[in-house]
Amino acid sequence: AQLLAFSKTQKLQLRPCTVTPLLADMRELIESAAGPNVAVTWAIEGLDEVHVLADPTQIELALLNLAINARDAMDG
């Protein structure tokens, strides 16, 4: 319900994006969000040619939320 409410209030800015630079730019933020007790492994080699039509901000928010949810789901 929260995602639906959020999506209605903000217009998406769809544009072609390359995935690797988005991930690389978020590396430090995601590692920080994961916390000091979590080792984040990156496997983004070979993604240079992956293009998507999306709102880059929404991709970043989704990835950050995944990192936070994964951290919170871990024991200890």
PDB file of N, CA and C in Angstrom:
ATOM      1  N   ALA A   1       0.829  -1.193   0.000  1.00  0.00           N
ATOM      2  CA  ALA A   1       0.000   0.000   0.000  1.00  0.00           C
ATOM      3  C   ALA A   1       0.871   1.254   0.000  1.00  0.00           C
ATOM      4  N   GLN A   2       1.979   1.205   0.760  1.00  0.00           N
ATOM      5  CA  GLN A   2       2.868   2.364   0.800  1.00  0.00           C
ATOM      6  C   GLN A   2       3.511   2.612  -0.557  1.00  0.00           C
ATOM      7  N   LEU A   3       3.914   1.546  -1.239  1.00  0.00           N
ATOM      8  CA  LEU A   3       4.520   1.711  -2.555  1.00  0.00           C
ATOM      9  C   LEU A   3       3.528   2.294  -3.547  1.00  0.00           C
ATOM     10  N   LEU A   4       2.297   1.847  -3.495  1.00  0.00           N
ATOM     11  CA  LEU A   4       1.280   2.389  -4.391  1.00  0.00           C
ATOM     12  C   LEU A   4       1.022   3.854  -4.098  1.00  0.00           C
ATOM     13  N   ALA A   5       0.951   4.225  -2.840  1.00  0.00           N
ATOM     14  CA  ALA A   5       0.737   5.617  -2.476  1.00  0.00           C
ATOM     15  C   ALA A   5       1.915   6.471  -2.929  1.00  0.00           C
ATOM     16  N   PHE A   6       3.119   5.965  -2.734  1.00  0.00           N
ATOM     17  CA  PHE A   6       4.315   6.700  -3.144  1.00  0.00           C
ATOM     18  C   PHE A   6       4.358   6.876  -4.653  1.00  0.00           C
ATOM     19  N   SER A   7       4.030   5.828  -5.378  1.00  0.00           N
ATOM     20  CA  SER A   7       4.129   5.885  -6.838  1.00  0.00           C
ATOM     21  C   SER A   7       3.130   6.866  -7.433  1.00  0.00           C
ATOM     22  N   LYS A   8       2.016   7.086  -6.757  1.00  0.00           N
ATOM     23  CA  LYS A   8       1.019   8.023  -7.270  1.00  0.00           C
ATOM     24  C   LYS A   8       1.425   9.476  -7.045  1.00  0.00           C
ATOM     25  N   THR A   9       2.266   9.746  -6.066  1.00  0.00           N
ATOM     26  CA  THR A   9       2.629  11.118  -5.740  1.00  0.00           C
ATOM     27  C   THR A   9       3.831  11.625  -6.522  1.00  0.00           C
ATOM     28  N   GLN A  10       4.592  10.759  -7.102  1.00  0.00           N
ATOM     29  CA  GLN A  10       5.801  11.168  -7.802  1.00  0.00           C
ATOM     30  C   GLN A  10       5.754  10.678  -9.240  1.00  0.00           C
ATOM     31  N   LYS A  11       5.970  11.592 -10.145  1.00  0.00           N
ATOM     32  CA  LYS A  11       6.015  11.224 -11.554  1.00  0.00           C
ATOM     33  C   LYS A  11       7.359  10.572 -11.857  1.00  0.00           C
ATOM     34  N   LEU A  12       7.316   9.465 -12.562  1.00  0.00           N
ATOM     35  CA  LEU A  12       8.545   8.771 -12.926  1.00  0.00           C
ATOM     36  C   LEU A  12       9.240   9.509 -14.063  1.00  0.00           C
ATOM     37  N   GLN A  13      10.552   9.557 -13.991  1.00  0.00           N
ATOM     38  CA  GLN A  13      11.372  10.170 -15.026  1.00  0.00           C
ATOM     39  C   GLN A  13      12.072   9.055 -15.798  1.00  0.00           C
ATOM     40  N   LEU A  14      11.313   8.349 -16.625  1.00  0.00           N
ATOM     41  CA  LEU A  14      11.879   7.227 -17.368  1.00  0.00           C
ATOM     42  C   LEU A  14      12.884   7.717 -18.395  1.00  0.00           C
ATOM     43  N   ARG A  15      14.033   7.044 -18.410  1.00  0.00           N
ATOM     44  CA  ARG A  15      15.057   7.335 -19.420  1.00  0.00           C
ATOM     45  C   ARG A  15      15.981   6.133 -19.527  1.00  0.00           C
ATOM     46  N   PRO A  16      16.678   6.016 -20.629  1.00  0.00           N
ATOM     47  CA  PRO A  16      17.628   4.908 -20.764  1.00  0.00           C
ATOM     48  C   PRO A  16      18.758   5.053 -19.734  1.00  0.00           C
ATOM     49  N   CYS A  17      19.055   3.970 -19.037  1.00  0.00           N
ATOM     50  CA  CYS A  17      20.108   3.967 -18.018  1.00  0.00           C
ATOM     51  C   CYS A  17      20.990   2.747 -18.220  1.00  0.00           C
ATOM     52  N   THR A  18      22.259   2.917 -17.911  1.00  0.00           N
ATOM     53  CA  THR A  18      23.177   1.786 -17.881  1.00  0.00           C
ATOM     54  C   THR A  18      23.303   1.352 -16.426  1.00  0.00           C
ATOM     55  N   VAL A  19      23.163   0.082 -16.168  1.00  0.00           N
ATOM     56  CA  VAL A  19      23.076  -0.441 -14.809  1.00  0.00           C
ATOM     57  C   VAL A  19      24.388  -0.289 -14.032  1.00  0.00           C
ATOM     58  N   THR A  20      25.510  -0.603 -14.623  1.00  0.00           N
ATOM     59  CA  THR A  20      26.784  -0.625 -13.892  1.00  0.00           C
ATOM     60  C   THR A  20      27.134   0.705 -13.231  1.00  0.00           C
ATOM     61  N   PRO A  21      27.044   1.838 -13.919  1.00  0.00           N
ATOM     62  CA  PRO A  21      27.369   3.099 -13.235  1.00  0.00           C
ATOM     63  C   PRO A  21      26.439   3.406 -12.061  1.00  0.00           C
ATOM     64  N   LEU A  22      25.171   3.032 -12.185  1.00  0.00           N
ATOM     65  CA  LEU A  22      24.257   3.235 -11.059  1.00  0.00           C
ATOM     66  C   LEU A  22      24.720   2.439  -9.844  1.00  0.00           C
ATOM     67  N   LEU A  23      25.070   1.177 -10.072  1.00  0.00           N
ATOM     68  CA  LEU A  23      25.545   0.328  -8.977  1.00  0.00           C
ATOM     69  C   LEU A  23      26.860   0.842  -8.404  1.00  0.00           C
ATOM     70  N   ALA A  24      27.774   1.232  -9.277  1.00  0.00           N
ATOM     71  CA  ALA A  24      29.080   1.714  -8.823  1.00  0.00           C
ATOM     72  C   ALA A  24      28.935   2.980  -7.987  1.00  0.00           C
ATOM     73  N   ASP A  25      28.025   3.861  -8.386  1.00  0.00           N
ATOM     74  CA  ASP A  25      27.808   5.096  -7.635  1.00  0.00           C
ATOM     75  C   ASP A  25      27.197   4.833  -6.270  1.00  0.00           C
ATOM     76  N   MET A  26      26.498   3.727  -6.124  1.00  0.00           N
ATOM     77  CA  MET A  26      25.833   3.405  -4.862  1.00  0.00           C
ATOM     78  C   MET A  26      26.653   2.493  -3.958  1.00  0.00           C
ATOM     79  N   ARG A  27      27.784   2.075  -4.421  1.00  0.00           N
ATOM     80  CA  ARG A  27      28.587   1.078  -3.686  1.00  0.00           C
ATOM     81  C   ARG A  27      28.812   1.481  -2.229  1.00  0.00           C
ATOM     82  N   GLU A  28      29.306   2.670  -2.004  1.00  0.00           N
ATOM     83  CA  GLU A  28      29.629   3.124  -0.649  1.00  0.00           C
ATOM     84  C   GLU A  28      28.366   3.227   0.215  1.00  0.00           C
ATOM     85  N   LEU A  29      27.283   3.746  -0.361  1.00  0.00           N
ATOM     86  CA  LEU A  29      26.039   3.890   0.383  1.00  0.00           C
ATOM     87  C   LEU A  29      25.474   2.530   0.800  1.00  0.00           C
ATOM     88  N   ILE A  30      25.474   1.578  -0.121  1.00  0.00           N
ATOM     89  CA  ILE A  30      24.943   0.249   0.190  1.00  0.00           C
ATOM     90  C   ILE A  30      25.811  -0.459   1.223  1.00  0.00           C
ATOM     91  N   GLU A  31      27.110  -0.352   1.105  1.00  0.00           N
ATOM     92  CA  GLU A  31      27.995  -0.979   2.087  1.00  0.00           C
ATOM     93  C   GLU A  31      27.808  -0.346   3.461  1.00  0.00           C
ATOM     94  N   SER A  32      27.591   0.961   3.493  1.00  0.00           N
ATOM     95  CA  SER A  32      27.339   1.652   4.757  1.00  0.00           C
ATOM     96  C   SER A  32      25.996   1.232   5.347  1.00  0.00           C
ATOM     97  N   ALA A  33      24.978   1.132   4.498  1.00  0.00           N
ATOM     98  CA  ALA A  33      23.642   0.725   4.966  1.00  0.00           C
ATOM     99  C   ALA A  33      23.647  -0.716   5.467  1.00  0.00           C
ATOM    100  N   ALA A  34      24.473  -1.558   4.878  1.00  0.00           N
ATOM    101  CA  ALA A  34      24.544  -2.959   5.292  1.00  0.00           C
ATOM    102  C   ALA A  34      25.152  -3.103   6.679  1.00  0.00           C
ATOM    103  N   GLY A  35      25.957  -2.160   7.075  1.00  0.00           N
ATOM    104  CA  GLY A  35      26.546  -2.173   8.409  1.00  0.00           C
ATOM    105  C   GLY A  35      27.921  -2.796   8.434  1.00  0.00           C
ATOM    106  N   PRO A  36      28.629  -2.590   9.528  1.00  0.00           N
ATOM    107  CA  PRO A  36      30.017  -3.057   9.629  1.00  0.00           C
ATOM    108  C   PRO A  36      30.161  -4.571   9.755  1.00  0.00           C
ATOM    109  N   ASN A  37      29.093  -5.265  10.128  1.00  0.00           N
ATOM    110  CA  ASN A  37      29.176  -6.711  10.325  1.00  0.00           C
ATOM    111  C   ASN A  37      28.771  -7.511   9.094  1.00  0.00           C
ATOM    112  N   VAL A  38      28.494  -6.814   7.996  1.00  0.00           N
ATOM    113  CA  VAL A  38      28.040  -7.477   6.771  1.00  0.00           C
ATOM    114  C   VAL A  38      29.060  -7.220   5.662  1.00  0.00           C
ATOM    115  N   ALA A  39      29.523  -8.291   5.044  1.00  0.00           N
ATOM    116  CA  ALA A  39      30.429  -8.165   3.902  1.00  0.00           C
ATOM    117  C   ALA A  39      29.591  -8.155   2.623  1.00  0.00           C
ATOM    118  N   VAL A  40      29.710  -7.090   1.864  1.00  0.00           N
ATOM    119  CA  VAL A  40      28.970  -6.971   0.612  1.00  0.00           C
ATOM    120  C   VAL A  40      29.895  -7.386  -0.527  1.00  0.00           C
ATOM    121  N   THR A  41      29.471  -8.336  -1.313  1.00  0.00           N
ATOM    122  CA  THR A  41      30.246  -8.804  -2.460  1.00  0.00           C
ATOM    123  C   THR A  41      29.603  -8.264  -3.730  1.00  0.00           C
ATOM    124  N   TRP A  42      30.407  -7.662  -4.578  1.00  0.00           N
ATOM    125  CA  TRP A  42      29.912  -7.053  -5.822  1.00  0.00           C
ATOM    126  C   TRP A  42      30.302  -7.927  -7.003  1.00  0.00           C
ATOM    127  N   ALA A  43      29.348  -8.232  -7.842  1.00  0.00           N
ATOM    128  CA  ALA A  43      29.596  -8.988  -9.067  1.00  0.00           C
ATOM    129  C   ALA A  43      28.953  -8.229 -10.218  1.00  0.00           C
ATOM    130  N   ILE A  44      29.559  -7.088 -10.557  1.00  0.00           N
ATOM    131  CA  ILE A  44      28.969  -6.244 -11.598  1.00  0.00           C
ATOM    132  C   ILE A  44      29.795  -6.241 -12.888  1.00  0.00           C
ATOM    133  N   GLU A  45      30.844  -7.041 -12.907  1.00  0.00           N
ATOM    134  CA  GLU A  45      31.635  -7.133 -14.123  1.00  0.00           C
ATOM    135  C   GLU A  45      30.766  -7.716 -15.234  1.00  0.00           C
ATOM    136  N   GLY A  46      30.897  -7.181 -16.416  1.00  0.00           N
ATOM    137  CA  GLY A  46      30.145  -7.688 -17.550  1.00  0.00           C
ATOM    138  C   GLY A  46      28.765  -7.061 -17.693  1.00  0.00           C
ATOM    139  N   LEU A  47      28.414  -6.167 -16.782  1.00  0.00           N
ATOM    140  CA  LEU A  47      27.118  -5.503 -16.880  1.00  0.00           C
ATOM    141  C   LEU A  47      27.195  -4.183 -17.640  1.00  0.00           C
ATOM    142  N   ASP A  48      28.355  -3.888 -18.237  1.00  0.00           N
ATOM    143  CA  ASP A  48      28.526  -2.605 -18.916  1.00  0.00           C
ATOM    144  C   ASP A  48      27.505  -2.386 -20.017  1.00  0.00           C
ATOM    145  N   GLU A  49      27.038  -3.431 -20.620  1.00  0.00           N
ATOM    146  CA  GLU A  49      26.126  -3.300 -21.746  1.00  0.00           C
ATOM    147  C   GLU A  49      24.662  -3.490 -21.375  1.00  0.00           C
ATOM    148  N   VAL A  50      24.372  -3.597 -20.086  1.00  0.00           N
ATOM    149  CA  VAL A  50      22.987  -3.779 -19.664  1.00  0.00           C
ATOM    150  C   VAL A  50      22.331  -2.406 -19.557  1.00  0.00           C
ATOM    151  N   HIS A  51      21.337  -2.192 -20.393  1.00  0.00           N
ATOM    152  CA  HIS A  51      20.605  -0.927 -20.405  1.00  0.00           C
ATOM    153  C   HIS A  51      19.149  -1.193 -20.043  1.00  0.00           C
ATOM    154  N   VAL A  52      18.559  -0.266 -19.302  1.00  0.00           N
ATOM    155  CA  VAL A  52      17.156  -0.372 -18.936  1.00  0.00           C
ATOM    156  C   VAL A  52      16.483   0.973 -19.160  1.00  0.00           C
ATOM    157  N   LEU A  53      15.182   0.941 -19.346  1.00  0.00           N
ATOM    158  CA  LEU A  53      14.385   2.158 -19.415  1.00  0.00           C
ATOM    159  C   LEU A  53      13.714   2.297 -18.058  1.00  0.00           C
ATOM    160  N   ALA A  54      14.209   3.210 -17.236  1.00  0.00           N
ATOM    161  CA  ALA A  54      13.727   3.316 -15.865  1.00  0.00           C
ATOM    162  C   ALA A  54      14.023   4.696 -15.311  1.00  0.00           C
ATOM    163  N   ASP A  55      13.487   4.940 -14.133  1.00  0.00           N
ATOM    164  CA  ASP A  55      13.800   6.150 -13.382  1.00  0.00           C
ATOM    165  C   ASP A  55      15.000   5.806 -12.494  1.00  0.00           C
ATOM    166  N   PRO A  56      16.147   6.419 -12.722  1.00  0.00           N
ATOM    167  CA  PRO A  56      17.348   6.066 -11.945  1.00  0.00           C
ATOM    168  C   PRO A  56      17.160   6.225 -10.439  1.00  0.00           C
ATOM    169  N   THR A  57      16.429   7.220 -10.024  1.00  0.00           N
ATOM    170  CA  THR A  57      16.192   7.424  -8.596  1.00  0.00           C
ATOM    171  C   THR A  57      15.410   6.261  -8.005  1.00  0.00           C
ATOM    172  N   GLN A  58      14.441   5.749  -8.744  1.00  0.00           N
ATOM    173  CA  GLN A  58      13.661   4.615  -8.255  1.00  0.00           C
ATOM    174  C   GLN A  58      14.512   3.351  -8.166  1.00  0.00           C
ATOM    175  N   ILE A  59      15.422   3.168  -9.119  1.00  0.00           N
ATOM    176  CA  ILE A  59      16.338   2.023  -9.057  1.00  0.00           C
ATOM    177  C   ILE A  59      17.210   2.139  -7.812  1.00  0.00           C
ATOM    178  N   GLU A  60      17.739   3.323  -7.554  1.00  0.00           N
ATOM    179  CA  GLU A  60      18.587   3.533  -6.388  1.00  0.00           C
ATOM    180  C   GLU A  60      17.823   3.280  -5.093  1.00  0.00           C
ATOM    181  N   LEU A  61      16.598   3.781  -5.004  1.00  0.00           N
ATOM    182  CA  LEU A  61      15.789   3.560  -3.801  1.00  0.00           C
ATOM    183  C   LEU A  61      15.491   2.077  -3.604  1.00  0.00           C
ATOM    184  N   ALA A  62      15.180   1.382  -4.678  1.00  0.00           N
ATOM    185  CA  ALA A  62      14.884  -0.048  -4.576  1.00  0.00           C
ATOM    186  C   ALA A  62      16.112  -0.819  -4.103  1.00  0.00           C
ATOM    187  N   LEU A  63      17.282  -0.512  -4.645  1.00  0.00           N
ATOM    188  CA  LEU A  63      18.503  -1.205  -4.229  1.00  0.00           C
ATOM    189  C   LEU A  63      18.849  -0.912  -2.772  1.00  0.00           C
ATOM    190  N   LEU A  64      18.694   0.325  -2.368  1.00  0.00           N
ATOM    191  CA  LEU A  64      18.977   0.678  -0.980  1.00  0.00           C
ATOM    192  C   LEU A  64      18.015  -0.044  -0.041  1.00  0.00           C
ATOM    193  N   ASN A  65      16.744  -0.083  -0.400  1.00  0.00           N
ATOM    194  CA  ASN A  65      15.768  -0.801   0.427  1.00  0.00           C
ATOM    195  C   ASN A  65      16.077  -2.285   0.497  1.00  0.00           C
ATOM    196  N   LEU A  66      16.515  -2.885  -0.608  1.00  0.00           N
ATOM    197  CA  LEU A  66      16.902  -4.299  -0.586  1.00  0.00           C
ATOM    198  C   LEU A  66      18.065  -4.540   0.369  1.00  0.00           C
ATOM    199  N   ALA A  67      19.047  -3.647   0.338  1.00  0.00           N
ATOM    200  CA  ALA A  67      20.209  -3.793   1.223  1.00  0.00           C
ATOM    201  C   ALA A  67      19.790  -3.680   2.688  1.00  0.00           C
ATOM    202  N   ILE A  68      18.945  -2.713   2.985  1.00  0.00           N
ATOM    203  CA  ILE A  68      18.501  -2.520   4.365  1.00  0.00           C
ATOM    204  C   ILE A  68      17.644  -3.698   4.828  1.00  0.00           C
ATOM    205  N   ASN A  69      16.743  -4.157   3.981  1.00  0.00           N
ATOM    206  CA  ASN A  69      15.905  -5.297   4.345  1.00  0.00           C
ATOM    207  C   ASN A  69      16.731  -6.564   4.540  1.00  0.00           C
ATOM    208  N   ALA A  70      17.737  -6.759   3.686  1.00  0.00           N
ATOM    209  CA  ALA A  70      18.604  -7.934   3.830  1.00  0.00           C
ATOM    210  C   ALA A  70      19.367  -7.868   5.145  1.00  0.00           C
ATOM    211  N   ARG A  71      19.880  -6.689   5.462  1.00  0.00           N
ATOM    212  CA  ARG A  71      20.604  -6.523   6.739  1.00  0.00           C
ATOM    213  C   ARG A  71      19.697  -6.835   7.921  1.00  0.00           C
ATOM    214  N   ASP A  72      18.485  -6.300   7.885  1.00  0.00           N
ATOM    215  CA  ASP A  72      17.546  -6.491   8.995  1.00  0.00           C
ATOM    216  C   ASP A  72      17.082  -7.941   9.116  1.00  0.00           C
ATOM    217  N   ALA A  73      17.122  -8.681   8.022  1.00  0.00           N
ATOM    218  CA  ALA A  73      16.668 -10.075   8.039  1.00  0.00           C
ATOM    219  C   ALA A  73      17.735 -11.034   8.545  1.00  0.00           C
ATOM    220  N   MET A  74      18.973 -10.580   8.650  1.00  0.00           N
ATOM    221  CA  MET A  74      20.068 -11.450   9.086  1.00  0.00           C
ATOM    222  C   MET A  74      20.092 -11.585  10.605  1.00  0.00           C
ATOM    223  N   ASP A  75      20.432 -12.773  11.069  1.00  0.00           N
ATOM    224  CA  ASP A  75      20.642 -12.984  12.496  1.00  0.00           C
ATOM    225  C   ASP A  75      21.986 -12.408  12.888  1.00  0.00           C
ATOM    226  N   GLY A  76      22.000 -11.612  13.941  1.00  0.00           N
ATOM    227  CA  GLY A  76      23.244 -11.069  14.465  1.00  0.00           C
ATOM    228  C   GLY A  76      23.827 -10.052  13.564  1.00  0.00           C
TER     229      GLY A  76
END
